[in-house]
Amino acid sequence: MLQLGGPDGGDGGKGGDIYFEVDKDSNTLIDFRYNKKFKAESGANGSGGHCYGKNGEDLIIKVPKGTVVKDAETGKVITDLSEDGQKELILPGGRGGKGNSHFATSTRQAPRFAQDGEKGIEKEVILELKLLADVGLIGFPNVGKSTLLSRVTAARPKIANYHFTTIYPNLGVVKTITGDSFVLADIPGVIEGASEGVGLGLQFLRHIERTRLLLHVIDCSGIEGRNPVEDYNVINKELVNYNEKLSKRKQIIVANKLDIMQDDTGYKNLEKLAKEKNIEIFKISAVTGEGIPELFAKTAEILKTLPKEEIVDIDNKIVYTLKEEQEGFDIEVINGEFIVTGPAVIKLMGRVNIGDNESMAYLQNSIRNLGIEDRLKELGVKEGDTVKILEWEFEWYD
């Protein structure tokens, strides 16, 4: 049969990219509890007359400010969405396939095969929301952190005399008598074993990572029989166990409940500890307000000396690329059969029409160019051996 005209197949459209973007109106990740799978639009097929397929629509996933995106398999950070309006490419869409016109040669003027589009990347990620605050209030439950926050800011956390009152961190803006201001976060009560996941410890501890300064609130009243020095050591041990960097975070010790202090022995021991560790210590009453202006004036002063460094570790940030996903192959010899797998092979077989001689010639040349032939020979392939490429089986010949 006479083939009339040249090849005129248009290229396929590119698949949509997936972005994560900060949404100023969002403050929780609750929606992701019910919707866990997201997919960008695929590119459209090309058609005759060199008509190119339409690119797929990008998918933009809205998240609250402070969201850290991690690779579920490795735990490495992909991106830290901590700036207003920030938008980050997470997964690029697959490139569109090439029409048959790309495979025309002087001897193959009307190829009956084309290249399939490349598959996009599918990844499982973890989303963590970490509050953005300058100062974090830490300490055991029921030591007065929520009371302190409510006294110095417009925040109105639930306050009661029982443990684990605060389930979610509360934020407030502190304005000092000198006119300075900073964001203060009441981190829910940390307990012994929190770094190992006891209670809701891990959910709470991650919020501390972003703060530049920690106010360690300790009950020095003696009413509950607490040992202030022991409480200080237990909480700091949990910080070290969770993230060693937290052990180096600047702290101020806040000796609270001055108004109901029955015995100053605990405070004196804590004061001695602070002197040994060269840590600032302030005696206050969150209820009456005594000592609070001095505490926050010092807090604002110290903040000015602390750099706004990147708290989240993104030294090993992951960047997904199609090149990494679509190249490479592997060959195993199982029961005398040579089994070829890998992204490069998937990509190759997507453009081959097994029932077409011209397409098979293209396959043979590609196997040679990719280095698959050389690798098979290194592994001892010989005439008559079986070579499997994905679900296709071939008999090897030289």
Protein backbone atom coordinates (compact mmCIF):
# COMPACT_ATOMS: atom_id res chain seq x y z
CA MET A 1 0.00 0.00 0.00
CA LEU A 2 1.29 3.45 -0.88
CA GLN A 3 1.67 5.71 2.14
CA LEU A 4 0.46 9.19 1.17
CA GLY A 5 1.65 12.30 3.00
CA GLY A 6 4.08 12.61 5.89
CA PRO A 7 3.48 12.01 9.62
CA ASP A 8 1.23 14.64 11.18
CA GLY A 9 0.61 13.47 14.76
CA GLY A 10 0.70 16.33 17.28
CA ASP A 11 2.41 16.14 20.68
CA GLY A 12 0.46 15.45 23.85
CA GLY A 13 -0.02 18.10 26.51
CA LYS A 14 2.03 18.29 29.70
CA GLY A 15 0.46 17.09 32.93
CA GLY A 16 -0.40 19.69 35.55
CA ASP A 17 2.07 20.59 38.31
CA ILE A 18 1.18 20.32 42.01
CA TYR A 19 1.85 23.35 44.21
CA PHE A 20 1.38 24.07 47.90
CA GLU A 21 0.43 27.67 48.71
CA VAL A 22 -0.01 29.59 51.96
CA ASP A 23 -3.63 30.55 52.59
CA LYS A 24 -3.92 33.51 54.97
CA ASP A 25 -7.48 32.52 55.88
CA SER A 26 -6.59 28.98 56.92
CA ASN A 27 -5.27 28.03 60.35
CA THR A 28 -5.66 24.24 60.61
CA LEU A 29 -4.95 21.08 58.62
CA ILE A 30 -8.29 19.53 59.53
CA ASP A 31 -9.47 19.28 55.89
CA PHE A 32 -6.64 16.88 55.08
CA ARG A 33 -8.07 14.38 57.54
CA TYR A 34 -10.95 13.75 55.14
CA ASN A 35 -9.31 14.38 51.76
CA LYS A 36 -5.98 12.60 51.48
CA LYS A 37 -5.46 12.07 47.76
CA PHE A 38 -4.79 14.85 45.27
CA LYS A 39 -4.13 14.63 41.55
CA ALA A 40 -3.38 17.31 38.97
CA GLU A 41 -5.11 17.16 35.59
CA SER A 42 -3.52 15.02 32.87
CA GLY A 43 -2.46 16.55 29.58
CA ALA A 44 -4.72 15.99 26.57
CA ASN A 45 -3.76 13.74 23.66
CA GLY A 46 -2.34 15.21 20.47
CA SER A 47 -4.19 14.69 17.20
CA GLY A 48 -3.70 14.72 13.47
CA GLY A 49 -2.78 17.82 11.54
CA HIS A 50 0.01 18.52 14.05
CA CYS A 51 -2.58 19.55 16.63
CA TYR A 52 -0.98 19.67 20.06
CA GLY A 53 -2.85 18.48 23.14
CA LYS A 54 -3.81 20.94 25.86
CA ASN A 55 -1.66 21.07 28.99
CA GLY A 56 -3.29 19.81 32.18
CA GLU A 57 -4.42 22.34 34.78
CA ASP A 58 -2.05 22.84 37.72
CA LEU A 59 -3.30 21.82 41.16
CA ILE A 60 -2.78 24.34 43.96
CA ILE A 61 -3.25 22.95 47.48
CA LYS A 62 -3.93 25.62 50.11
CA VAL A 63 -2.34 25.22 53.54
CA PRO A 64 -2.02 27.47 56.61
CA LYS A 65 1.07 29.56 57.22
CA GLY A 66 3.61 27.53 59.19
CA THR A 67 3.03 24.25 57.34
CA VAL A 68 6.06 22.02 56.84
CA VAL A 69 5.82 19.44 54.04
CA LYS A 70 7.89 16.27 54.54
CA ASP A 71 8.56 13.19 52.46
CA ALA A 72 6.71 10.34 54.22
CA GLU A 73 9.33 7.75 53.30
CA THR A 74 12.48 9.61 54.34
CA GLY A 75 11.16 12.23 56.75
CA LYS A 76 13.14 14.92 54.92
CA VAL A 77 11.71 18.39 54.47
CA ILE A 78 10.35 19.22 51.02
CA THR A 79 9.37 22.78 51.84
CA ASP A 80 8.65 25.09 54.76
CA LEU A 81 5.67 27.36 54.02
CA SER A 82 6.28 30.10 56.55
CA GLU A 83 5.88 33.29 54.49
CA ASP A 84 2.72 35.15 53.49
CA GLY A 85 1.73 34.33 49.91
CA GLN A 86 4.44 31.67 49.59
CA LYS A 87 3.86 29.15 46.78
CA GLU A 88 6.11 26.15 46.19
CA LEU A 89 6.25 23.58 43.40
CA ILE A 90 6.07 20.14 45.02
CA LEU A 91 5.61 17.72 42.12
CA PRO A 92 6.12 18.56 38.42
CA GLY A 93 3.66 17.16 35.92
CA GLY A 94 4.74 14.56 33.37
CA ARG A 95 5.90 15.77 29.98
CA GLY A 96 3.56 15.21 27.06
CA GLY A 97 4.28 12.43 24.57
CA LYS A 98 5.69 13.11 21.14
CA GLY A 99 3.69 12.62 17.96
CA ASN A 100 4.87 10.27 15.21
CA SER A 101 6.42 13.15 13.25
CA HIS A 102 9.34 13.13 15.71
CA PHE A 103 10.28 9.59 14.65
CA ALA A 104 10.36 10.11 10.91
CA THR A 105 13.68 9.42 9.16
CA SER A 106 14.82 9.25 5.54
CA THR A 107 14.01 5.54 5.52
CA ARG A 108 10.99 5.70 7.85
CA GLN A 109 8.92 8.47 6.40
CA ALA A 110 5.58 7.52 7.97
CA PRO A 111 6.21 5.91 11.38
CA ARG A 112 3.19 4.15 12.82
CA PHE A 113 4.21 4.70 16.43
CA ALA A 114 4.54 7.65 18.78
CA GLN A 115 5.79 8.34 22.29
CA ASP A 116 3.41 8.07 25.24
CA GLY A 117 3.42 10.89 27.73
CA GLU A 118 5.61 10.42 30.80
CA LYS A 119 3.88 9.58 34.02
CA GLY A 120 3.95 12.20 36.72
CA ILE A 121 5.38 11.55 40.17
CA GLU A 122 3.27 10.06 42.93
CA LYS A 123 4.48 10.70 46.47
CA GLU A 124 3.14 10.41 49.99
CA VAL A 125 3.84 13.47 52.09
CA ILE A 126 3.35 14.46 55.71
CA LEU A 127 1.97 17.89 56.62
CA GLU A 128 2.94 19.41 59.98
CA LEU A 129 1.67 22.74 61.23
CA LYS A 130 4.14 24.57 63.44
CA LEU A 131 3.17 27.85 65.02
CA LEU A 132 5.14 30.96 64.15
CA ALA A 133 5.97 32.77 67.39
CA ASP A 134 8.91 34.70 68.78
CA VAL A 135 8.56 33.36 72.32
CA GLY A 136 7.21 30.07 73.62
CA LEU A 137 5.84 29.36 77.09
CA ILE A 138 6.89 25.89 78.18
CA GLY A 139 6.48 23.92 81.39
CA PHE A 140 4.40 21.24 83.04
CA PRO A 141 0.60 21.43 82.87
CA ASN A 142 -1.09 23.67 85.42
CA VAL A 143 1.94 25.87 86.14
CA GLY A 144 0.19 29.06 85.00
CA LYS A 145 1.18 29.47 81.36
CA SER A 146 -2.37 30.10 80.11
CA THR A 147 -3.00 32.55 82.94
CA LEU A 148 0.16 34.44 82.04
CA LEU A 149 -0.79 34.58 78.36
CA SER A 150 -4.29 35.87 79.12
CA ARG A 151 -2.92 38.59 81.41
CA VAL A 152 -0.47 40.07 78.92
CA THR A 153 -2.31 39.58 75.60
CA ALA A 154 -5.81 39.66 74.17
CA ALA A 155 -5.82 35.86 73.96
CA ARG A 156 -8.45 34.17 76.10
CA PRO A 157 -7.42 30.53 76.56
CA LYS A 158 -9.55 28.19 78.64
CA ILE A 159 -8.18 28.22 82.17
CA ALA A 160 -8.97 25.75 84.94
CA ASN A 161 -7.18 23.97 87.75
CA TYR A 162 -6.62 20.62 86.07
CA HIS A 163 -3.97 19.13 83.85
CA PHE A 164 -3.99 19.35 80.06
CA THR A 165 -6.34 22.31 80.00
CA THR A 166 -4.82 23.52 76.75
CA ILE A 167 -5.29 21.13 73.83
CA TYR A 168 -4.10 23.50 71.09
CA PRO A 169 -1.39 26.16 71.40
CA ASN A 170 -2.67 29.71 71.87
CA LEU A 171 -1.05 32.80 70.39
CA GLY A 172 -1.04 36.37 71.62
CA VAL A 173 0.81 39.61 70.95
CA VAL A 174 2.65 41.15 73.90
CA LYS A 175 3.24 44.90 74.02
CA THR A 176 5.79 45.96 76.61
CA ILE A 177 6.01 49.17 78.60
CA THR A 178 8.87 50.24 76.32
CA GLY A 179 6.70 49.96 73.21
CA ASP A 180 8.21 46.73 71.90
CA SER A 181 5.97 43.88 70.76
CA PHE A 182 6.36 40.19 70.01
CA VAL A 183 4.27 37.07 69.46
CA LEU A 184 3.93 34.76 72.46
CA ALA A 185 2.75 31.13 72.20
CA ASP A 186 1.38 29.09 75.08
CA ILE A 187 2.68 25.60 74.29
CA PRO A 188 0.43 22.95 75.89
CA GLY A 189 1.81 21.22 78.97
CA VAL A 190 4.78 18.99 78.25
CA ILE A 191 5.01 15.86 80.37
CA GLU A 192 7.72 13.32 80.99
CA GLY A 193 7.97 11.00 77.98
CA ALA A 194 6.52 13.58 75.58
CA SER A 195 9.50 13.20 73.22
CA GLU A 196 8.58 9.51 72.91
CA GLY A 197 4.97 10.28 72.07
CA VAL A 198 3.46 9.98 75.55
CA GLY A 199 0.17 11.85 75.69
CA LEU A 200 0.09 14.42 72.89
CA GLY A 201 3.74 15.24 73.42
CA LEU A 202 4.98 15.09 69.84
CA GLN A 203 2.11 17.27 68.65
CA PHE A 204 3.05 19.88 71.24
CA LEU A 205 6.83 19.75 71.00
CA ARG A 206 7.01 20.55 67.30
CA HIS A 207 5.54 24.01 67.97
CA ILE A 208 8.55 24.86 70.15
CA GLU A 209 10.94 24.42 67.21
CA ARG A 210 10.04 27.74 65.62
CA THR A 211 10.36 29.94 68.71
CA ARG A 212 13.55 31.95 69.23
CA LEU A 213 13.24 32.27 73.00
CA LEU A 214 11.65 30.01 75.61
CA LEU A 215 10.05 31.19 78.85
CA HIS A 216 10.23 28.16 81.14
CA VAL A 217 7.34 28.58 83.59
CA ILE A 218 7.79 26.66 86.85
CA ASP A 219 5.41 26.36 89.81
CA CYS A 220 7.34 27.50 92.89
CA SER A 221 4.37 27.70 95.26
CA GLY A 222 4.99 24.31 96.85
CA ILE A 223 1.23 23.67 97.03
CA GLU A 224 1.30 20.57 94.83
CA GLY A 225 4.55 19.33 96.33
CA ARG A 226 6.47 19.90 93.09
CA ASN A 227 10.24 20.15 93.03
CA PRO A 228 11.08 23.18 90.82
CA VAL A 229 14.62 22.00 90.01
CA GLU A 230 13.39 18.53 89.09
CA ASP A 231 10.64 20.01 86.91
CA TYR A 232 13.22 22.16 85.10
CA ASN A 233 15.45 19.15 84.42
CA VAL A 234 12.62 16.89 83.25
CA ILE A 235 11.28 19.39 80.72
CA ASN A 236 14.73 20.15 79.34
CA LYS A 237 15.45 16.44 78.99
CA GLU A 238 12.34 16.11 76.83
CA LEU A 239 13.49 19.02 74.64
CA VAL A 240 16.89 17.40 74.11
CA ASN A 241 15.36 14.01 73.34
CA TYR A 242 13.00 15.52 70.78
CA ASN A 243 15.53 17.76 69.04
CA GLU A 244 19.03 18.41 70.33
CA LYS A 245 18.95 21.91 68.86
CA LEU A 246 16.26 22.81 71.39
CA SER A 247 18.73 22.28 74.23
CA LYS A 248 20.66 25.28 72.91
CA ARG A 249 17.61 27.52 72.56
CA LYS A 250 17.78 30.60 74.79
CA GLN A 251 15.66 30.28 77.96
CA ILE A 252 14.43 32.48 80.77
CA ILE A 253 13.21 30.75 83.94
CA VAL A 254 9.87 32.11 85.18
CA ALA A 255 9.23 31.21 88.82
CA ASN A 256 5.43 31.52 89.02
CA LYS A 257 2.74 31.58 91.74
CA LEU A 258 4.60 34.03 93.96
CA ASP A 259 1.23 35.09 95.44
CA ILE A 260 0.61 31.68 97.03
CA MET A 261 4.19 30.63 97.76
CA GLN A 262 4.22 28.82 101.12
CA ASP A 263 7.94 28.06 101.32
CA ASP A 264 10.74 29.74 99.38
CA THR A 265 13.07 26.71 99.58
CA GLY A 266 12.09 25.50 96.13
CA TYR A 267 12.59 28.94 94.64
CA LYS A 268 16.01 29.37 96.26
CA ASN A 269 17.14 26.01 94.84
CA LEU A 270 15.89 27.05 91.41
CA GLU A 271 17.62 30.41 91.72
CA LYS A 272 20.87 28.61 92.53
CA LEU A 273 20.44 26.41 89.43
CA ALA A 274 19.82 29.46 87.24
CA LYS A 275 23.00 31.10 88.54
CA GLU A 276 25.03 27.95 87.84
CA LYS A 277 23.69 27.77 84.27
CA ASN A 278 23.90 31.54 83.74
CA ILE A 279 20.17 31.74 82.95
CA GLU A 280 17.97 34.76 83.70
CA ILE A 281 15.31 34.05 86.34
CA PHE A 282 12.25 36.13 87.23
CA LYS A 283 9.86 35.68 90.14
CA ILE A 284 6.27 36.51 89.14
CA SER A 285 2.60 36.00 89.87
CA ALA A 286 0.54 35.47 86.73
CA VAL A 287 -2.60 36.08 88.81
CA THR A 288 -1.68 39.43 90.39
CA GLY A 289 0.70 40.62 87.67
CA GLU A 290 3.65 41.11 90.02
CA GLY A 291 7.00 40.92 88.23
CA ILE A 292 5.46 40.57 84.75
CA PRO A 293 6.43 44.02 83.33
CA GLU A 294 10.06 43.42 84.25
CA LEU A 295 9.96 39.91 82.78
CA PHE A 296 8.66 41.03 79.39
CA ALA A 297 10.89 44.09 79.20
CA LYS A 298 13.84 41.71 79.53
CA THR A 299 12.25 39.31 77.03
CA ALA A 300 11.97 42.08 74.41
CA GLU A 301 15.56 43.12 75.10
CA ILE A 302 16.89 39.58 74.59
CA LEU A 303 14.83 39.06 71.42
CA LYS A 304 16.64 41.97 69.79
CA THR A 305 19.91 40.06 70.17
CA LEU A 306 18.61 36.79 68.72
CA PRO A 307 18.79 36.29 64.94
CA LYS A 308 15.67 35.31 63.03
CA GLU A 309 17.36 32.19 61.77
CA GLU A 310 15.71 29.38 59.85
CA ILE A 311 14.42 27.16 62.65
CA VAL A 312 13.26 24.28 60.43
CA ASP A 313 16.20 22.24 59.15
CA ILE A 314 16.07 22.30 55.35
CA ASP A 315 19.75 21.64 54.69
CA ASN A 316 18.74 18.38 53.03
CA LYS A 317 15.66 19.73 51.29
CA ILE A 318 14.23 17.38 48.67
CA VAL A 319 13.44 18.60 45.17
CA TYR A 320 11.53 16.09 43.05
CA THR A 321 12.32 16.10 39.34
CA LEU A 322 11.05 14.01 36.47
CA LYS A 323 14.63 13.25 35.46
CA GLU A 324 15.20 11.38 38.70
CA GLU A 325 11.91 9.55 38.31
CA GLN A 326 12.11 8.68 34.60
CA GLU A 327 15.71 7.52 34.09
CA GLY A 328 17.66 4.42 35.04
CA PHE A 329 17.13 0.69 34.69
CA ASP A 330 17.91 -2.50 36.55
CA ILE A 331 18.51 -6.07 35.35
CA GLU A 332 18.09 -9.21 37.41
CA VAL A 333 18.87 -12.78 36.35
CA ILE A 334 16.23 -15.13 37.75
CA ASN A 335 16.14 -18.81 36.76
CA GLY A 336 18.19 -18.05 33.68
CA GLU A 337 15.92 -15.25 32.51
CA PHE A 338 17.10 -11.65 32.21
CA ILE A 339 14.47 -9.32 33.67
CA VAL A 340 14.81 -5.63 32.78
CA THR A 341 12.92 -3.07 34.89
CA GLY A 342 13.15 0.59 35.85
CA PRO A 343 11.83 4.04 34.94
CA ALA A 344 13.82 4.28 31.69
CA VAL A 345 12.29 1.00 30.48
CA ILE A 346 8.77 2.09 31.38
CA LYS A 347 9.37 5.30 29.48
CA LEU A 348 10.75 3.42 26.46
CA MET A 349 8.01 0.81 26.20
CA GLY A 350 5.38 3.53 26.32
CA ARG A 351 6.42 4.65 22.84
CA VAL A 352 6.68 1.21 21.20
CA ASN A 353 4.11 -0.64 19.12
CA ILE A 354 5.14 -4.30 19.51
CA GLY A 355 3.22 -5.36 16.40
CA ASP A 356 5.03 -2.93 14.10
CA ASN A 357 8.42 -3.78 12.53
CA GLU A 358 9.55 -0.15 12.39
CA SER A 359 8.66 0.30 16.04
CA MET A 360 10.61 -2.84 16.97
CA ALA A 361 13.67 -1.53 15.12
CA TYR A 362 13.36 1.67 17.15
CA LEU A 363 13.18 -0.47 20.33
CA GLN A 364 16.39 -2.32 19.46
CA ASN A 365 18.27 0.91 18.82
CA SER A 366 17.00 2.42 22.07
CA ILE A 367 18.07 -0.65 24.07
CA ARG A 368 21.53 -0.22 22.63
CA ASN A 369 21.64 3.56 23.25
CA LEU A 370 20.45 3.26 26.84
CA GLY A 371 23.23 0.83 27.66
CA ILE A 372 20.87 -2.06 28.34
CA GLU A 373 22.54 -4.22 25.67
CA ASP A 374 26.01 -3.73 27.13
CA ARG A 375 24.75 -4.54 30.62
CA LEU A 376 23.04 -7.72 29.41
CA LYS A 377 26.28 -8.86 27.81
CA GLU A 378 28.16 -8.13 31.05
CA LEU A 379 25.69 -10.40 32.84
CA GLY A 380 26.33 -13.18 30.31
CA VAL A 381 23.34 -13.08 28.01
CA LYS A 382 23.72 -15.35 24.96
CA GLU A 383 21.86 -16.39 21.84
CA GLY A 384 18.49 -17.96 22.65
CA ASP A 385 18.23 -16.59 26.21
CA THR A 386 14.96 -15.06 27.36
CA VAL A 387 14.89 -11.32 28.07
CA LYS A 388 11.80 -9.86 29.77
CA ILE A 389 11.10 -6.14 29.52
CA LEU A 390 8.14 -5.35 31.72
CA GLU A 391 5.35 -7.73 30.56
CA TRP A 392 6.98 -8.43 27.18
CA GLU A 393 9.23 -11.45 26.59
CA PHE A 394 11.88 -11.64 23.84
CA GLU A 395 14.42 -14.19 22.65
CA TRP A 396 17.92 -12.73 22.57
CA TYR A 397 19.97 -12.90 19.37
CA ASP A 398 23.30 -11.32 18.43
